[in-house]
C-alpha cells in the first residue's frame, strides 16, 4: 500500500508563491509515474505536472508552464511543486498521484481524469486578494 501526503497549501494573493510537498511511502520513486493534479470548485480534476517513470522529462499543463516547477527528491521520497505568479484561476485542491503505469509524452497529465493507482487527500490552494 502506497501512501501520499500533501502539504503546503494556503491562502495567497495573486502574484504570490507557494511550494507544495508530497511525501510518498513507495519503496523506490523511480518505479512510479508521479504527478500533481488539481480540482477547482465545480470542475473536474486536471493534470498540472507529471513525471513518467520511464522518462526524465517533466510535463506541465499549458496553463502553468513558466510559472510552476515540479521536482523530486528520491532520497527523501518527496515530490515538490513550486508555484510562482499565482492567479485566481489556480485556486483548487491540489492532489499528488502515483501510478505504476508508463506513459508517453505528457499523457501522464491525463491521470487527473483517468485516475491514478494512489492519491493523497489533497491540499487546498486559494489565490485571492
Foldseek 3Di string as FASTA:
>chain_A
DKAKAKDWADEAAAQAKIKMKIAIPDPFCLQKKKFKWWDDVPGAIWGAWIDFSVDDDIDGDPVQPPFWDWDADRVRRMIMIIGGRDDQVPWGWMKMAIANDGDPDRCVRVCSPVPHPDIYPTDTHGYHD
